[in-house]
Amino acid sequence: MLDKNKVKLGMAPIGWCNDDMPELGAENTFQQIVSEMALAGFTGTEVGNKYPKDKVELKKALDLRGIEICNQWFTQLLLTEPYEVVEKAMLDQIDYIKYCGAKVIGASEQSYSIQGLDQPILTGKYIMNDEEWEKLTSGMNKLGKVAKDAGMKLCFHHHMGTVVQTEEEIDRFMDMTDENVYLLFDSGHCSFADIDPVKVLSKYIDRTAHIHLKDLRRSVVEESRKNEWCFLKCVREGCFTVPGDGDVDFKPIFDIIEQSGYEGYVVVEAEQDPAKANPLEYAMKARKYIAENTGL
């Protein structure tokens, strides 16, 4: 069982509204999203495209529902933009989310990402050379120190279609970054990339500061492989779902979290088409599964 004093439970808004495909869930309002999260029993949320840009307005709405911001996706372009531009953007975002309770910021290197392109997600992603590896990781080390000085932890999100997707890339990234750079572990993206999520989490749990609990329907991944779907097509067709509704075995993941003494958020993040997967229904399904299997 997980310790409620150490582990908090959050829900990402991507099941209600999709940042990459805003037409998915366009009808769902910010007020509805956070109200349904609270109704389902979650105390943390990440930031979605419907959320107020004014941090005071955002915090007031969340406080009314007993919810706080636990993280926000940070699009960084260390390989293709000047470092100073990336650092300023990160600090601006930290100011916004820290005010609303966040202690971590989740960065994804989006230079050369194919996740939003109309090309097969399982082939043809960009492979960094040694010089680019050095540029990415040295930049991350600098950003990690800046985030620490701002009272935050910088987490790196491995992700399908990006320059850090495979097990070898995750290992190399973690080896080349220092103690100020943490992992944002995602069970769904590990599984989609054909990586054992238990192996990755057990290896890096001591440097993991944020966890995405995402399930995977392997039958949809196989269909995407056969038909060469792009990532967004995979999402629309239901490759991801909430924990307990797919093929990922979460018991050993929960065991690692418990045995390590991990402190922080575990966040249900399952991008789906809300017209096919009612967001409140799936939020409640996830909440029930997690309660039964972790005690949270």
Protein backbone atom coordinates (compact mmCIF):
# COMPACT_ATOMS: atom_id res chain seq x y z
CA MET A 1 0.00 0.00 0.00
CA LEU A 2 1.20 3.50 -0.80
CA ASP A 3 1.71 6.07 1.96
CA LYS A 4 -0.84 8.89 1.60
CA ASN A 5 1.56 11.20 3.43
CA LYS A 6 4.17 10.72 0.71
CA VAL A 7 2.31 9.93 -2.50
CA LYS A 8 -0.34 12.24 -3.95
CA LEU A 9 -2.77 11.43 -6.74
CA GLY A 10 -3.29 13.67 -9.74
CA MET A 11 -5.18 13.61 -13.02
CA ALA A 12 -4.07 15.15 -16.30
CA PRO A 13 -6.70 17.11 -18.27
CA ILE A 14 -5.69 15.48 -21.54
CA GLY A 15 -8.62 13.06 -21.30
CA TRP A 16 -10.97 16.07 -21.48
CA CYS A 17 -9.09 18.30 -23.92
CA ASN A 18 -6.08 17.49 -26.09
CA ASP A 19 -3.33 20.09 -26.55
CA ASP A 20 -2.12 18.57 -29.81
CA MET A 21 -5.62 18.05 -31.20
CA PRO A 22 -7.77 20.82 -29.67
CA GLU A 23 -10.79 19.60 -31.60
CA LEU A 24 -10.86 16.62 -29.23
CA GLY A 25 -12.87 17.85 -26.27
CA ALA A 26 -13.36 21.34 -27.65
CA GLU A 27 -16.75 21.36 -25.94
CA ASN A 28 -15.33 20.69 -22.45
CA THR A 29 -14.75 23.81 -20.34
CA PHE A 30 -12.04 24.43 -17.73
CA GLN A 31 -14.64 24.64 -14.96
CA GLN A 32 -16.10 21.28 -15.99
CA ILE A 33 -12.69 19.63 -16.20
CA VAL A 34 -11.47 20.57 -12.73
CA SER A 35 -14.89 20.01 -11.17
CA GLU A 36 -15.02 16.47 -12.54
CA MET A 37 -11.45 15.79 -11.39
CA ALA A 38 -12.43 16.83 -7.86
CA LEU A 39 -15.65 14.79 -8.06
CA ALA A 40 -13.62 11.71 -9.02
CA GLY A 41 -11.33 12.20 -6.01
CA PHE A 42 -8.12 13.69 -7.41
CA THR A 43 -6.17 16.42 -5.60
CA GLY A 44 -3.66 17.39 -8.29
CA THR A 45 -3.90 18.42 -11.93
CA GLU A 46 -1.54 19.22 -14.73
CA VAL A 47 -2.20 22.21 -17.01
CA GLY A 48 -4.32 21.98 -20.14
CA ASN A 49 -5.11 24.34 -22.98
CA LYS A 50 -8.41 25.42 -21.40
CA TYR A 51 -6.80 26.57 -18.15
CA PRO A 52 -6.72 30.32 -17.34
CA LYS A 53 -3.44 32.00 -18.25
CA ASP A 54 -3.72 34.22 -15.18
CA LYS A 55 -2.23 32.38 -12.21
CA VAL A 56 -4.41 34.18 -9.64
CA GLU A 57 -7.59 33.22 -11.48
CA LEU A 58 -6.33 29.66 -11.87
CA LYS A 59 -5.41 29.24 -8.21
CA LYS A 60 -8.77 30.58 -7.04
CA ALA A 61 -10.66 28.09 -9.18
CA LEU A 62 -8.49 25.21 -8.00
CA ASP A 63 -8.63 26.19 -4.33
CA LEU A 64 -12.43 26.08 -4.47
CA ARG A 65 -12.16 22.41 -5.44
CA GLY A 66 -9.27 21.36 -3.21
CA ILE A 67 -6.92 20.83 -6.14
CA GLU A 68 -3.42 22.11 -6.89
CA ILE A 69 -1.21 22.18 -9.97
CA CYS A 70 1.29 19.33 -9.78
CA ASN A 71 3.15 19.81 -13.08
CA GLN A 72 2.98 21.39 -16.51
CA TRP A 73 4.38 20.12 -19.80
CA PHE A 74 7.30 22.35 -20.84
CA THR A 75 8.15 22.37 -24.53
CA GLN A 76 11.89 22.93 -24.75
CA LEU A 77 14.01 23.29 -27.87
CA LEU A 78 17.55 23.07 -26.56
CA LEU A 79 18.83 21.62 -29.83
CA THR A 80 17.34 24.32 -32.06
CA GLU A 81 16.93 27.49 -29.96
CA PRO A 82 19.46 29.58 -27.99
CA TYR A 83 19.82 28.34 -24.42
CA GLU A 84 18.84 31.75 -23.01
CA VAL A 85 15.47 31.61 -24.80
CA VAL A 86 14.72 28.19 -23.31
CA GLU A 87 15.75 29.24 -19.81
CA LYS A 88 13.53 32.33 -19.85
CA ALA A 89 10.55 30.32 -21.08
CA MET A 90 11.10 27.77 -18.29
CA LEU A 91 11.33 30.45 -15.60
CA ASP A 92 8.14 32.12 -16.86
CA GLN A 93 6.35 28.77 -16.68
CA ILE A 94 7.75 28.02 -13.22
CA ASP A 95 6.38 31.34 -11.96
CA TYR A 96 2.93 30.37 -13.23
CA ILE A 97 2.73 26.83 -11.83
CA LYS A 98 4.68 27.30 -8.58
CA TYR A 99 2.10 29.88 -7.49
CA CYS A 100 -0.54 27.16 -7.87
CA GLY A 101 1.30 24.53 -5.82
CA ALA A 102 3.62 22.75 -8.27
CA LYS A 103 7.01 21.52 -7.14
CA VAL A 104 8.10 20.01 -10.47
CA ILE A 105 8.12 21.05 -14.12
CA GLY A 106 8.11 18.37 -16.82
CA ALA A 107 10.27 19.13 -19.85
CA SER A 108 10.11 17.41 -23.23
CA GLU A 109 12.73 18.09 -25.90
CA GLN A 110 10.64 18.87 -28.94
CA SER A 111 13.38 19.63 -31.44
CA TYR A 112 12.86 17.28 -34.41
CA SER A 113 9.90 15.58 -32.72
CA ILE A 114 7.60 13.63 -35.03
CA GLN A 115 4.82 13.16 -32.47
CA GLY A 116 2.65 15.80 -34.13
CA LEU A 117 3.53 14.97 -37.73
CA ASP A 118 1.61 12.86 -40.21
CA GLN A 119 4.22 10.11 -40.42
CA PRO A 120 4.47 6.63 -38.87
CA ILE A 121 5.29 6.93 -35.18
CA LEU A 122 7.14 3.62 -35.00
CA THR A 123 9.67 4.43 -37.74
CA GLY A 124 11.75 7.38 -38.82
CA LYS A 125 12.24 9.33 -35.61
CA TYR A 126 15.26 11.63 -35.30
CA ILE A 127 18.49 10.15 -33.92
CA MET A 128 20.90 12.54 -32.22
CA ASN A 129 24.64 12.58 -32.95
CA ASP A 130 27.25 12.89 -30.19
CA GLU A 131 27.42 16.67 -30.47
CA GLU A 132 23.64 16.94 -30.09
CA TRP A 133 23.67 14.63 -27.11
CA GLU A 134 26.20 16.89 -25.43
CA LYS A 135 24.20 20.00 -26.29
CA LEU A 136 20.96 18.51 -24.92
CA THR A 137 22.35 17.13 -21.69
CA SER A 138 24.63 20.06 -20.86
CA GLY A 139 21.67 22.35 -21.42
CA MET A 140 19.50 20.18 -19.18
CA ASN A 141 22.14 20.30 -16.43
CA LYS A 142 22.12 24.09 -16.57
CA LEU A 143 18.32 24.23 -16.58
CA GLY A 144 18.20 21.76 -13.68
CA LYS A 145 20.34 24.09 -11.55
CA VAL A 146 18.21 27.09 -12.52
CA ALA A 147 15.04 25.20 -11.59
CA LYS A 148 16.56 24.11 -8.27
CA ASP A 149 17.48 27.70 -7.46
CA ALA A 150 13.85 28.62 -8.17
CA GLY A 151 12.67 25.97 -5.70
CA MET A 152 11.57 23.44 -8.32
CA LYS A 153 12.64 20.07 -9.69
CA LEU A 154 13.17 19.77 -13.44
CA CYS A 155 11.87 16.43 -14.76
CA PHE A 156 12.53 15.07 -18.24
CA HIS A 157 9.68 13.35 -20.09
CA HIS A 158 10.76 10.52 -22.40
CA HIS A 159 8.14 10.42 -25.15
CA MET A 160 7.22 8.61 -28.35
CA GLY A 161 8.49 10.39 -31.46
CA THR A 162 11.09 12.50 -29.65
CA VAL A 163 14.87 12.33 -29.43
CA VAL A 164 14.61 10.39 -26.15
CA GLN A 165 12.25 7.49 -26.76
CA THR A 166 14.13 4.18 -26.60
CA GLU A 167 15.57 2.39 -23.57
CA GLU A 168 19.08 3.11 -24.80
CA GLU A 169 18.27 6.81 -25.17
CA ILE A 170 16.76 6.99 -21.69
CA ASP A 171 19.87 5.32 -20.25
CA ARG A 172 22.24 7.62 -22.11
CA PHE A 173 20.26 10.70 -21.09
CA MET A 174 20.26 9.74 -17.42
CA ASP A 175 23.97 8.89 -17.55
CA MET A 176 24.89 12.26 -19.08
CA THR A 177 22.76 14.42 -16.76
CA ASP A 178 23.42 15.27 -13.13
CA GLU A 179 21.52 15.16 -9.84
CA ASN A 180 19.53 18.30 -10.65
CA VAL A 181 17.80 16.58 -13.58
CA TYR A 182 15.08 14.09 -12.72
CA LEU A 183 13.07 11.60 -14.73
CA LEU A 184 9.40 12.00 -15.48
CA PHE A 185 8.54 8.31 -15.75
CA ASP A 186 5.68 7.38 -18.06
CA SER A 187 4.45 3.77 -18.03
CA GLY A 188 2.52 4.21 -21.28
CA HIS A 189 5.36 5.68 -23.33
CA CYS A 190 7.73 2.98 -22.07
CA SER A 191 5.26 0.29 -23.08
CA PHE A 192 4.52 1.87 -26.47
CA ALA A 193 8.28 1.98 -27.18
CA ASP A 194 8.46 -1.74 -26.32
CA ILE A 195 10.41 -1.06 -23.12
CA ASP A 196 9.70 -2.87 -19.86
CA PRO A 197 8.43 -0.01 -17.64
CA VAL A 198 9.36 -1.96 -14.50
CA LYS A 199 12.99 -2.13 -15.62
CA VAL A 200 13.18 1.61 -16.24
CA LEU A 201 11.43 2.64 -13.04
CA SER A 202 13.41 0.25 -10.86
CA LYS A 203 16.65 1.59 -12.33
CA TYR A 204 15.83 5.28 -11.94
CA ILE A 205 13.30 5.49 -9.09
CA ASP A 206 15.81 7.40 -6.94
CA ARG A 207 15.99 10.10 -9.64
CA THR A 208 12.28 10.05 -10.49
CA ALA A 209 10.32 13.09 -9.31
CA HIS A 210 7.05 12.70 -11.22
CA ILE A 211 5.15 9.65 -12.47
CA HIS A 212 2.56 9.28 -15.23
CA LEU A 213 0.32 6.25 -14.82
CA LYS A 214 -0.79 5.48 -18.34
CA ASP A 215 -2.13 2.18 -19.64
CA LEU A 216 -1.68 0.84 -23.17
CA ARG A 217 -3.87 -1.23 -25.45
CA ARG A 218 -1.34 -3.40 -27.26
CA SER A 219 -3.84 -4.45 -29.90
CA VAL A 220 -4.08 -0.82 -31.03
CA VAL A 221 -0.28 -0.50 -31.11
CA GLU A 222 -0.07 -3.59 -33.31
CA GLU A 223 -2.74 -2.11 -35.58
CA SER A 224 -0.73 1.10 -35.78
CA ARG A 225 2.40 -0.84 -36.68
CA LYS A 226 0.59 -2.72 -39.44
CA ASN A 227 -1.04 0.40 -40.88
CA GLU A 228 1.83 2.84 -40.20
CA TRP A 229 -0.26 5.26 -38.15
CA CYS A 230 1.09 8.56 -36.91
CA PHE A 231 1.09 9.22 -33.16
CA LEU A 232 -2.05 11.37 -33.16
CA LYS A 233 -3.93 8.70 -35.11
CA CYS A 234 -2.85 6.18 -32.47
CA VAL A 235 -4.29 8.42 -29.76
CA ARG A 236 -7.58 8.90 -31.62
CA GLU A 237 -7.87 5.15 -32.07
CA GLY A 238 -7.41 4.51 -28.35
CA CYS A 239 -3.86 3.27 -27.87
CA PHE A 240 -3.81 4.80 -24.37
CA THR A 241 -6.26 4.38 -21.52
CA VAL A 242 -6.42 4.72 -17.74
CA PRO A 243 -4.67 2.26 -15.39
CA GLY A 244 -6.43 -1.04 -15.12
CA ASP A 245 -8.14 -0.76 -18.51
CA GLY A 246 -5.26 -1.92 -20.73
CA ASP A 247 -2.35 -4.35 -20.86
CA VAL A 248 0.25 -2.74 -18.55
CA ASP A 249 0.87 -4.65 -15.31
CA PHE A 250 0.82 -1.93 -12.66
CA LYS A 251 1.34 -4.12 -9.59
CA PRO A 252 5.16 -4.21 -9.84
CA ILE A 253 5.15 -0.47 -10.62
CA PHE A 254 3.15 0.21 -7.45
CA ASP A 255 5.54 -2.09 -5.53
CA ILE A 256 8.58 -0.08 -6.67
CA ILE A 257 6.90 3.18 -5.69
CA GLU A 258 6.05 1.78 -2.26
CA GLN A 259 9.40 0.16 -1.52
CA SER A 260 11.45 3.15 -2.67
CA GLY A 261 9.75 5.63 -0.36
CA TYR A 262 8.97 7.83 -3.39
CA GLU A 263 7.51 11.21 -2.49
CA GLY A 264 5.53 13.15 -5.05
CA TYR A 265 2.66 12.82 -7.46
CA VAL A 266 1.46 9.84 -9.43
CA VAL A 267 -0.71 11.21 -12.21
CA VAL A 268 -3.28 9.42 -14.33
CA GLU A 269 -2.55 10.62 -17.84
CA ALA A 270 -4.40 8.89 -20.63
CA GLU A 271 -5.02 10.90 -23.76
CA GLN A 272 -8.18 9.64 -25.41
CA ASP A 273 -10.98 10.98 -27.56
CA PRO A 274 -13.55 12.14 -24.99
CA ALA A 275 -16.33 11.41 -27.48
CA LYS A 276 -15.35 7.73 -27.21
CA ALA A 277 -14.13 7.61 -23.60
CA ASN A 278 -16.26 9.77 -21.28
CA PRO A 279 -13.67 11.66 -19.19
CA LEU A 280 -15.52 11.55 -15.86
CA GLU A 281 -16.35 7.87 -16.27
CA TYR A 282 -12.73 7.01 -17.01
CA ALA A 283 -11.43 9.24 -14.22
CA MET A 284 -13.66 7.41 -11.76
CA LYS A 285 -12.61 4.06 -13.20
CA ALA A 286 -8.95 4.99 -12.69
CA ARG A 287 -9.60 6.29 -9.18
CA LYS A 288 -11.33 3.04 -8.17
CA TYR A 289 -8.54 0.89 -9.62
CA ILE A 290 -5.82 2.86 -7.85
CA ALA A 291 -7.67 2.86 -4.54
CA GLU A 292 -8.14 -0.92 -4.70
CA ASN A 293 -4.49 -1.58 -5.62
CA THR A 294 -2.59 1.06 -3.64
CA GLY A 295 -4.82 2.27 -0.81
CA LEU A 296 -4.55 5.86 -2.03
